[in-house]
Amino acid sequence: MRRVHQIRRRRPLLRTLSAATVAALAVTLLAPLAASRAASPPAAPPPAAAEPARACPQLELADRWYGDVGERLQRVIDDVGRCSGPVKGNPVAVFDWDNTMIKNDISDQTTFWLIRQGLVLQPRRKDWTTTNRWLTPAAAKALRRACGPLAPAGERLPTGRRTPQAIRCADEILSMRLEQTTTDGKPGFAGRYDHRHLNAGYIWMAQLMAGRTPKQVKRIARDARRVALSSPKGATWRVGSTRQIRWVRYYQPQRDLIRTLKAAGITPWVVSASPDLWAKVWSPGAGVPARHTIGIRTVLRNGRVTPDLLGCGGYRDGNQRIMPYVQGKRCWVNQEILGIQGKAALRLAPKRLRPVIAGGDASTDVVMVRDATRAHIVLNRNSNEIMCRAFFRGRYGADGKWLVTPMFIDPLPKLDGRYPCSTEGAEQRDGSFGPVRRRGGVVPDQPDRVHG
């Protein structure tokens, strides 16, 4: 039989003590702790979380710009963008496209593609004056003689063939694009229009898209872009009886600038003298969306391109008198970006509204670039008027804000001699060339201070 052990439960110690004894014990044990706490200073509150430093978007390729141009651009971005606090208003930057954001010209490359692929359409009644109101009778006659026998009206001209007639037609179209003359040297365009608002030869390439839908025009531009970007640097190809450039490259420092501007809250735009539908295909590759791209804009009728232009600066839709060209670039910036309507779009906008940065490479850009309030960027291609203004009174121009850099690919060497600023540096409104004027006089001839 198993023996069972009984367990005697012990009563807790405190229960065996009287209430007075417990109270005395508590005082004895807790008194030293209370005294210690009274002698110690109050604990400091936990430190507040440190406010994170404001990120300043940085140019990663600042050293690819000439001299201190990258540093000066960075200072403008820091001052205007969100690095210095909440962005005030809606600061914008505007840039030309051809030879500013890229090396070479998309209008040239797309024209070469059109000719080689036989994509130019025979005009109505084989009458080339229907394509452009400023086409001279001599040019219309030369084009009809060269191209008329090749296709019915409205059909594609087989300019990519190697037959004598096809080559002759190709050469005539090409001469009108590149030289604005016929192959025998007669003027291709003439008339009474403001040459600070329009270049009649430039609009012709947009007008040759008449009859197509925007989707079809963009497809042509995409095909031309694919070939130009995939061709080796320096590549050429045969167009008509000539050899022409076949390649295009994006400028990486410009892509970097666009990225940094956007990160800083400064909205970039492209304002180009190339056809609008072509430029919209190219600009996203530099980081500028198509909706922020302005080129030669044509009127659509029944969903198809026409030879007529959209209006600006008091010119109505359907005109052939204004495009993004010299003062016309200011007009399109003011109207489409700043919201200034009517004839006021041709005038200098209030400083608080104007772009903070503008960039270009040619005298076609000079007014738009000059209008910027903080930085006038110029890629030096030896274009007279813009270089005269950029170099006047020193390396940084008369207002100290002209930032000149050589082209990022194949920069030009130093100009031999001086820019003819005082005699024929600027295109005049009637198409002649005269001095570059400034307030109080004429800009003197300038040496080339920044070159490859």
Protein backbone atom coordinates (compact mmCIF):
# COMPACT_ATOMS: atom_id res chain seq x y z
CA MET A 1 0.00 0.00 0.00
CA ARG A 2 1.42 3.27 -1.22
CA ARG A 3 2.09 5.80 1.45
CA VAL A 4 0.42 9.18 0.90
CA HIS A 5 2.37 12.28 1.92
CA GLN A 6 0.38 15.21 3.01
CA ILE A 7 1.67 18.69 2.03
CA ARG A 8 1.24 21.39 4.60
CA ARG A 9 0.63 24.78 2.86
CA ARG A 10 2.52 27.60 4.43
CA ARG A 11 0.78 30.93 4.96
CA PRO A 12 2.39 33.91 3.12
CA LEU A 13 4.75 35.90 5.30
CA LEU A 14 2.87 39.17 4.88
CA ARG A 15 -0.33 37.59 6.00
CA THR A 16 1.34 36.69 9.32
CA LEU A 17 2.42 40.26 9.99
CA SER A 18 0.27 42.91 11.46
CA ALA A 19 -0.84 45.91 9.40
CA ALA A 20 1.40 48.24 11.39
CA THR A 21 4.43 46.07 10.77
CA VAL A 22 3.77 46.01 6.97
CA ALA A 23 3.45 49.79 6.83
CA ALA A 24 6.72 50.28 8.68
CA LEU A 25 8.51 47.86 6.38
CA ALA A 26 7.26 49.70 3.25
CA VAL A 27 8.57 53.01 4.55
CA THR A 28 11.95 51.45 5.32
CA LEU A 29 12.32 49.89 1.86
CA LEU A 30 10.99 52.74 -0.33
CA ALA A 31 12.55 55.73 1.42
CA PRO A 32 16.03 55.36 -0.20
CA LEU A 33 14.47 55.06 -3.71
CA ALA A 34 12.40 58.21 -3.26
CA ALA A 35 15.42 60.12 -2.02
CA SER A 36 17.45 58.98 -5.03
CA ARG A 37 14.78 60.14 -7.48
CA ALA A 38 14.48 63.51 -5.77
CA ALA A 39 18.23 64.09 -6.12
CA SER A 40 18.31 63.23 -9.86
CA PRO A 41 17.46 65.89 -12.52
CA PRO A 42 14.33 65.30 -14.61
CA ALA A 43 14.90 63.15 -17.68
CA ALA A 44 15.24 65.08 -20.98
CA PRO A 45 12.40 64.54 -23.48
CA PRO A 46 13.26 62.27 -26.46
CA PRO A 47 14.81 64.24 -29.33
CA ALA A 48 12.44 65.25 -32.14
CA ALA A 49 12.94 63.47 -35.45
CA ALA A 50 15.36 65.46 -37.60
CA GLU A 51 13.75 67.03 -40.66
CA PRO A 52 15.22 65.35 -43.75
CA ALA A 53 17.49 67.55 -45.85
CA ARG A 54 15.80 68.83 -48.98
CA ALA A 55 17.10 66.96 -52.02
CA CYS A 56 18.55 69.18 -54.74
CA PRO A 57 18.33 67.45 -58.13
CA GLN A 58 21.81 67.40 -59.60
CA LEU A 59 23.12 67.40 -63.15
CA GLU A 60 25.03 64.16 -63.50
CA LEU A 61 26.81 65.30 -66.68
CA ALA A 62 27.64 68.87 -65.66
CA ASP A 63 31.26 68.30 -66.66
CA ARG A 64 30.21 67.64 -70.26
CA TRP A 65 29.27 71.30 -70.69
CA TYR A 66 31.88 73.86 -71.66
CA GLY A 67 33.82 75.57 -68.87
CA ASP A 68 31.57 76.45 -65.95
CA VAL A 69 28.31 76.29 -67.94
CA GLY A 70 27.17 73.15 -66.11
CA GLU A 71 27.82 74.80 -62.73
CA ARG A 72 25.94 77.93 -63.73
CA LEU A 73 22.99 75.87 -64.94
CA GLN A 74 22.98 73.98 -61.64
CA ARG A 75 22.82 77.26 -59.71
CA VAL A 76 19.81 78.38 -61.76
CA ILE A 77 18.07 75.05 -61.15
CA ASP A 78 18.80 75.29 -57.40
CA ASP A 79 17.50 78.87 -57.23
CA VAL A 80 14.33 78.34 -59.25
CA GLY A 81 13.44 74.73 -58.48
CA ARG A 82 12.18 73.00 -55.37
CA CYS A 83 15.64 72.82 -53.76
CA SER A 84 15.19 76.36 -52.44
CA GLY A 85 11.68 75.70 -51.13
CA PRO A 86 8.24 75.18 -52.63
CA VAL A 87 8.26 75.95 -56.34
CA LYS A 88 6.63 79.29 -57.05
CA GLY A 89 4.23 79.43 -59.96
CA ASN A 90 4.92 77.07 -62.83
CA PRO A 91 8.49 77.66 -64.03
CA VAL A 92 9.19 76.40 -67.55
CA ALA A 93 12.19 75.89 -69.79
CA VAL A 94 11.97 75.88 -73.59
CA PHE A 95 14.30 74.29 -76.12
CA ASP A 96 14.74 74.15 -79.85
CA TRP A 97 14.98 70.60 -81.19
CA ASP A 98 17.22 70.07 -84.23
CA ASN A 99 20.92 70.38 -83.38
CA THR A 100 19.99 71.57 -79.88
CA MET A 101 18.62 68.40 -78.28
CA ILE A 102 20.07 66.10 -80.94
CA LYS A 103 22.89 65.99 -83.43
CA ASN A 104 21.56 66.55 -86.99
CA ASP A 105 18.09 67.45 -88.24
CA ILE A 106 14.88 65.41 -88.18
CA SER A 107 13.33 67.36 -91.08
CA ASP A 108 16.32 66.48 -93.25
CA GLN A 109 16.31 62.83 -92.16
CA THR A 110 12.56 62.41 -92.69
CA THR A 111 12.77 64.11 -96.09
CA PHE A 112 15.54 61.72 -97.14
CA TRP A 113 13.38 58.81 -95.99
CA LEU A 114 10.35 60.12 -97.90
CA ILE A 115 12.34 60.42 -101.09
CA ARG A 116 14.11 57.06 -100.82
CA GLN A 117 10.86 55.23 -100.01
CA GLY A 118 8.83 57.02 -102.67
CA LEU A 119 6.37 58.50 -100.16
CA VAL A 120 5.90 62.02 -101.58
CA LEU A 121 2.48 62.35 -103.20
CA GLN A 122 1.88 63.88 -106.60
CA PRO A 123 -0.11 67.08 -105.89
CA ARG A 124 -3.60 67.85 -107.12
CA ARG A 125 -3.72 68.44 -110.87
CA LYS A 126 0.07 67.96 -110.73
CA ASP A 127 0.13 71.62 -109.72
CA TRP A 128 2.84 72.14 -107.10
CA THR A 129 1.59 75.64 -106.21
CA THR A 130 -1.23 73.88 -104.33
CA THR A 131 1.36 72.65 -101.80
CA ASN A 132 2.66 76.10 -100.79
CA ARG A 133 1.36 79.56 -101.64
CA TRP A 134 4.90 81.01 -101.68
CA LEU A 135 6.29 78.57 -104.25
CA THR A 136 7.67 80.49 -107.25
CA PRO A 137 6.41 79.83 -110.80
CA ALA A 138 9.92 78.70 -111.72
CA ALA A 139 9.94 76.14 -108.91
CA ALA A 140 6.45 74.86 -109.73
CA LYS A 141 7.48 74.45 -113.39
CA ALA A 142 10.69 72.62 -112.48
CA LEU A 143 8.87 70.22 -110.17
CA ARG A 144 6.14 69.49 -112.69
CA ARG A 145 8.70 68.87 -115.43
CA ALA A 146 10.75 66.54 -113.20
CA CYS A 147 7.94 64.72 -111.37
CA GLY A 148 4.81 65.09 -113.49
CA PRO A 149 5.36 62.05 -115.75
CA LEU A 150 5.98 59.67 -112.82
CA ALA A 151 2.52 59.26 -111.22
CA PRO A 152 -1.11 60.42 -111.37
CA ALA A 153 -2.32 63.15 -108.98
CA GLY A 154 -2.62 61.85 -105.44
CA GLU A 155 -0.35 58.85 -106.03
CA ARG A 156 3.14 58.22 -104.68
CA LEU A 157 6.11 59.44 -106.68
CA PRO A 158 8.63 56.60 -107.19
CA THR A 159 11.61 58.74 -106.21
CA GLY A 160 13.50 55.78 -104.79
CA ARG A 161 13.96 54.17 -108.18
CA ARG A 162 17.24 54.48 -110.05
CA THR A 163 15.71 55.57 -113.37
CA PRO A 164 16.83 58.94 -114.81
CA GLN A 165 13.37 60.50 -114.43
CA ALA A 166 12.95 59.32 -110.83
CA ILE A 167 16.41 60.61 -109.90
CA ARG A 168 15.63 63.95 -111.55
CA CYS A 169 12.40 64.26 -109.51
CA ALA A 170 14.20 63.30 -106.30
CA ASP A 171 16.91 65.89 -106.94
CA GLU A 172 14.36 68.64 -107.54
CA ILE A 173 12.50 67.96 -104.30
CA LEU A 174 15.77 67.68 -102.39
CA SER A 175 17.11 70.96 -103.75
CA MET A 176 13.94 72.73 -102.65
CA ARG A 177 14.37 71.34 -99.14
CA LEU A 178 18.09 71.92 -98.69
CA GLU A 179 18.76 75.02 -100.82
CA GLN A 180 15.29 76.48 -101.33
CA THR A 181 16.14 76.78 -105.02
CA THR A 182 15.55 74.69 -108.13
CA THR A 183 18.38 72.46 -109.31
CA ASP A 184 19.36 75.17 -111.78
CA GLY A 185 19.53 77.81 -109.05
CA LYS A 186 16.25 79.69 -109.45
CA PRO A 187 14.53 80.86 -106.22
CA GLY A 188 12.13 78.29 -104.87
CA PHE A 189 10.04 80.55 -102.60
CA ALA A 190 9.18 84.23 -102.71
CA GLY A 191 6.48 86.65 -101.62
CA ARG A 192 5.54 89.37 -99.18
CA TYR A 193 5.49 87.78 -95.76
CA ASP A 194 7.33 88.54 -92.52
CA HIS A 195 10.59 86.59 -92.56
CA ARG A 196 10.80 86.89 -88.75
CA HIS A 197 7.53 84.93 -88.55
CA LEU A 198 7.90 82.34 -91.30
CA ASN A 199 10.34 80.39 -93.44
CA ALA A 200 8.38 79.32 -96.51
CA GLY A 201 10.79 76.50 -97.30
CA TYR A 202 10.52 75.05 -93.79
CA ILE A 203 6.74 74.76 -93.86
CA TRP A 204 6.88 72.96 -97.22
CA MET A 205 7.90 69.65 -95.62
CA ALA A 206 4.88 69.75 -93.30
CA GLN A 207 2.70 70.68 -96.26
CA LEU A 208 3.89 67.70 -98.31
CA MET A 209 2.13 65.52 -95.71
CA ALA A 210 -1.24 66.91 -96.88
CA GLY A 211 -3.85 64.22 -97.51
CA ARG A 212 -2.54 61.87 -94.83
CA THR A 213 -3.89 61.31 -91.33
CA PRO A 214 -1.78 62.30 -88.30
CA LYS A 215 -1.34 58.61 -87.52
CA GLN A 216 0.12 57.98 -90.98
CA VAL A 217 2.44 60.98 -90.71
CA LYS A 218 3.74 59.81 -87.34
CA ARG A 219 4.35 56.33 -88.70
CA ILE A 220 6.57 57.81 -91.41
CA ALA A 221 8.47 59.80 -88.77
CA ARG A 222 8.92 56.71 -86.58
CA ASP A 223 10.34 54.72 -89.49
CA ALA A 224 12.77 57.53 -90.34
CA ARG A 225 13.75 57.84 -86.68
CA ARG A 226 14.45 54.12 -86.36
CA VAL A 227 16.82 54.19 -89.34
CA ALA A 228 18.59 57.38 -88.22
CA LEU A 229 19.22 56.14 -84.67
CA SER A 230 20.35 52.68 -85.77
CA SER A 231 22.76 53.92 -88.44
CA PRO A 232 26.42 54.25 -87.42
CA LYS A 233 27.72 57.70 -86.65
CA GLY A 234 28.96 59.26 -89.87
CA ALA A 235 26.83 57.01 -92.11
CA THR A 236 25.51 58.37 -95.42
CA TRP A 237 23.13 57.12 -98.07
CA ARG A 238 22.18 57.94 -101.63
CA VAL A 239 19.23 60.30 -102.11
CA GLY A 240 18.56 61.03 -105.76
CA SER A 241 21.97 61.62 -107.29
CA THR A 242 23.52 62.85 -104.01
CA ARG A 243 24.83 61.36 -100.78
CA GLN A 244 23.29 62.65 -97.57
CA ILE A 245 23.66 62.18 -93.81
CA ARG A 246 21.89 59.10 -92.49
CA TRP A 247 22.33 59.28 -88.70
CA VAL A 248 21.01 61.16 -85.65
CA ARG A 249 22.01 60.98 -81.99
CA TYR A 250 20.41 62.36 -78.83
CA TYR A 251 22.69 64.63 -76.82
CA GLN A 252 23.15 62.89 -73.46
CA PRO A 253 23.90 66.12 -71.52
CA GLN A 254 20.57 67.50 -72.77
CA ARG A 255 18.72 64.39 -71.66
CA ASP A 256 20.40 64.83 -68.28
CA LEU A 257 19.33 68.48 -68.15
CA ILE A 258 15.72 67.61 -68.95
CA ARG A 259 15.70 64.93 -66.21
CA THR A 260 17.11 67.37 -63.66
CA LEU A 261 14.69 70.15 -64.58
CA LYS A 262 11.71 67.83 -64.15
CA ALA A 263 13.00 66.59 -60.80
CA ALA A 264 13.34 70.22 -59.67
CA GLY A 265 9.77 71.11 -60.66
CA ILE A 266 10.69 73.06 -63.82
CA THR A 267 8.62 71.94 -66.82
CA PRO A 268 10.57 71.50 -70.09
CA TRP A 269 9.06 72.16 -73.52
CA VAL A 270 10.29 71.68 -77.07
CA VAL A 271 9.56 74.43 -79.61
CA SER A 272 10.76 73.33 -83.04
CA ALA A 273 10.80 74.62 -86.62
CA SER A 274 10.28 71.02 -87.78
CA PRO A 275 6.78 69.68 -88.51
CA ASP A 276 4.83 69.22 -85.28
CA LEU A 277 3.84 65.60 -85.92
CA TRP A 278 7.46 64.65 -86.61
CA ALA A 279 8.81 66.44 -83.53
CA LYS A 280 6.22 64.73 -81.32
CA VAL A 281 7.66 61.35 -82.35
CA TRP A 282 11.19 62.36 -81.35
CA SER A 283 10.82 64.48 -78.21
CA PRO A 284 9.81 61.72 -75.74
CA GLY A 285 13.22 60.16 -76.35
CA ALA A 286 14.76 63.19 -74.64
CA GLY A 287 12.24 63.11 -71.77
CA VAL A 288 9.83 65.76 -73.12
CA PRO A 289 6.30 64.41 -73.68
CA ALA A 290 4.53 64.98 -76.98
CA ARG A 291 1.94 67.20 -75.26
CA HIS A 292 4.78 69.59 -74.38
CA THR A 293 6.11 69.70 -77.94
CA ILE A 294 5.33 72.43 -80.47
CA GLY A 295 6.33 72.34 -84.13
CA ILE A 296 4.88 73.54 -87.43
CA ARG A 297 1.19 72.89 -86.85
CA THR A 298 -1.10 72.34 -89.82
CA VAL A 299 -4.88 72.52 -90.02
CA LEU A 300 -6.70 69.18 -90.09
CA ARG A 301 -9.72 68.87 -92.34
CA ASN A 302 -11.85 65.72 -92.20
CA GLY A 303 -9.12 64.15 -90.08
CA ARG A 304 -6.37 64.76 -92.63
CA VAL A 305 -3.44 67.15 -92.87
CA THR A 306 -3.83 70.21 -95.12
CA PRO A 307 -1.23 72.71 -96.39
CA ASP A 308 -2.67 75.44 -94.15
CA LEU A 309 -1.20 76.43 -90.78
CA LEU A 310 -2.73 76.98 -87.37
CA GLY A 311 -2.69 80.61 -86.28
CA CYS A 312 -0.82 82.61 -83.66
CA GLY A 313 -0.33 86.28 -82.83
CA GLY A 314 -3.46 87.47 -84.61
CA TYR A 315 -3.04 85.23 -87.66
CA ARG A 316 -6.10 83.05 -88.05
CA ASP A 317 -6.13 79.30 -88.60
CA GLY A 318 -5.73 78.55 -92.30
CA ASN A 319 -2.94 81.07 -92.84
CA GLN A 320 0.49 80.40 -94.31
CA ARG A 321 2.21 83.28 -92.52
CA ILE A 322 3.45 82.16 -89.09
CA MET A 323 5.30 79.18 -87.63
CA PRO A 324 7.81 78.67 -84.78
CA TYR A 325 10.54 80.74 -86.43
CA VAL A 326 12.48 83.71 -84.92
CA GLN A 327 9.74 85.97 -83.51
CA GLY A 328 7.22 83.27 -84.38
CA LYS A 329 8.84 81.05 -81.74
CA ARG A 330 8.10 83.69 -79.12
CA CYS A 331 4.51 83.75 -80.36
CA TRP A 332 4.02 80.02 -79.94
CA VAL A 333 5.69 80.01 -76.51
CA ASN A 334 3.49 82.87 -75.34
CA GLN A 335 0.28 81.44 -76.77
CA GLU A 336 0.59 77.72 -76.05
CA ILE A 337 2.67 77.73 -72.86
CA LEU A 338 2.01 81.08 -71.17
CA GLY A 339 -1.61 81.51 -72.31
CA ILE A 340 -1.19 84.92 -73.97
CA GLN A 341 -3.61 85.28 -76.85
CA GLY A 342 -4.00 87.50 -79.92
CA LYS A 343 -1.44 90.01 -81.14
CA ALA A 344 -0.01 90.30 -77.63
CA ALA A 345 1.59 86.86 -78.16
CA LEU A 346 4.09 88.46 -80.54
CA ARG A 347 5.28 90.91 -77.88
CA LEU A 348 7.68 90.32 -75.00
CA ALA A 349 5.75 88.71 -72.14
CA PRO A 350 5.92 90.02 -68.56
CA LYS A 351 9.07 88.82 -66.83
CA ARG A 352 7.17 86.89 -64.15
CA LEU A 353 5.61 84.69 -66.86
CA ARG A 354 8.54 84.06 -69.17
CA PRO A 355 10.56 80.82 -69.31
CA VAL A 356 13.44 80.75 -66.86
CA ILE A 357 15.72 78.84 -69.26
CA ALA A 358 15.77 78.66 -73.05
CA GLY A 359 18.12 76.86 -75.40
CA GLY A 360 18.87 76.90 -79.11
CA ASP A 361 21.59 76.63 -81.71
CA ALA A 362 20.59 78.96 -84.53
CA SER A 363 19.35 82.44 -85.27
CA THR A 364 15.88 80.96 -85.81
CA ASP A 365 15.86 80.52 -82.01
CA VAL A 366 17.31 83.89 -81.02
CA VAL A 367 14.15 85.64 -79.81
CA MET A 368 12.92 82.67 -77.78
CA VAL A 369 16.35 82.17 -76.21
CA ARG A 370 16.77 85.88 -75.50
CA ASP A 371 13.37 86.04 -73.73
CA ALA A 372 14.44 83.64 -70.95
CA THR A 373 14.92 85.31 -67.57
CA ARG A 374 17.72 83.24 -65.98
CA ALA A 375 19.79 81.43 -68.64
CA HIS A 376 20.18 81.64 -72.43
CA ILE A 377 21.79 78.37 -73.59
CA VAL A 378 23.46 78.34 -77.01
CA LEU A 379 25.12 75.43 -78.79
CA ASN A 380 27.62 77.08 -81.10
CA ARG A 381 26.95 76.29 -84.77
CA ASN A 382 28.30 79.63 -86.00
CA SER A 383 24.82 81.05 -86.66
CA ASN A 384 25.33 84.78 -86.89
CA GLU A 385 22.58 86.58 -84.97
CA ILE A 386 22.41 84.30 -81.96
CA MET A 387 26.21 84.23 -81.62
CA CYS A 388 26.40 88.01 -81.96
CA ARG A 389 24.01 88.42 -79.03
CA ALA A 390 25.64 85.65 -77.00
CA PHE A 391 29.15 87.13 -77.30
CA PHE A 392 28.30 90.83 -77.14
CA ARG A 393 30.12 92.37 -74.14
CA GLY A 394 32.02 89.26 -73.20
CA ARG A 395 31.73 85.54 -72.80
CA TYR A 396 28.40 85.65 -70.96
CA GLY A 397 26.67 88.26 -73.13
CA ALA A 398 25.37 91.69 -72.28
CA ASP A 399 23.21 90.49 -69.36
CA GLY A 400 25.71 87.88 -68.07
CA LYS A 401 23.29 85.00 -68.68
CA TRP A 402 24.36 83.69 -72.10
CA LEU A 403 25.81 80.20 -71.64
CA VAL A 404 27.59 79.04 -74.78
CA THR A 405 28.87 75.51 -75.31
CA PRO A 406 30.27 73.76 -78.40
CA MET A 407 28.17 71.00 -79.91
CA PHE A 408 28.46 67.83 -77.83
CA ILE A 409 29.23 65.73 -80.93
CA ASP A 410 31.64 66.91 -83.63
CA PRO A 411 31.97 70.52 -82.37
CA LEU A 412 32.98 73.18 -84.86
CA PRO A 413 36.49 74.68 -84.73
CA LYS A 414 37.06 78.36 -84.05
CA LEU A 415 35.41 80.62 -86.62
CA ASP A 416 37.91 82.21 -88.97
CA GLY A 417 37.40 85.95 -88.54
CA ARG A 418 34.47 87.58 -86.76
CA TYR A 419 30.69 87.29 -86.89
CA PRO A 420 29.35 90.07 -89.20
CA CYS A 421 27.07 91.51 -86.52
CA SER A 422 27.32 95.14 -87.65
CA THR A 423 26.53 94.52 -91.31
CA GLU A 424 24.54 91.36 -92.12
CA GLY A 425 24.17 89.41 -88.91
CA ALA A 426 20.35 89.37 -88.72
CA GLU A 427 17.58 88.39 -91.11
CA GLN A 428 15.22 91.32 -91.59
CA ARG A 429 11.46 91.19 -91.92
CA ASP A 430 11.65 91.49 -95.72
CA GLY A 431 14.10 88.61 -96.03
CA SER A 432 17.23 90.71 -96.51
CA PHE A 433 20.12 90.71 -94.04
CA GLY A 434 21.24 93.68 -91.97
CA PRO A 435 22.92 94.58 -88.68
CA VAL A 436 22.07 93.06 -85.32
CA ARG A 437 20.53 95.92 -83.40
CA ARG A 438 20.50 96.61 -79.69
CA ARG A 439 19.02 99.36 -77.60
CA GLY A 440 21.05 102.40 -78.45
CA GLY A 441 22.82 101.14 -81.55
CA VAL A 442 24.28 98.20 -83.43
CA VAL A 443 26.11 95.17 -82.05
CA PRO A 444 29.74 95.32 -83.19
CA ASP A 445 31.34 92.35 -84.93
CA GLN A 446 32.22 89.62 -82.44
CA PRO A 447 35.03 87.04 -82.21
CA ASP A 448 34.24 83.37 -81.66
CA ARG A 449 35.00 82.85 -77.95
CA VAL A 450 33.68 79.28 -77.43
CA HIS A 451 34.44 76.50 -79.89
CA GLY A 452 35.64 72.92 -80.22
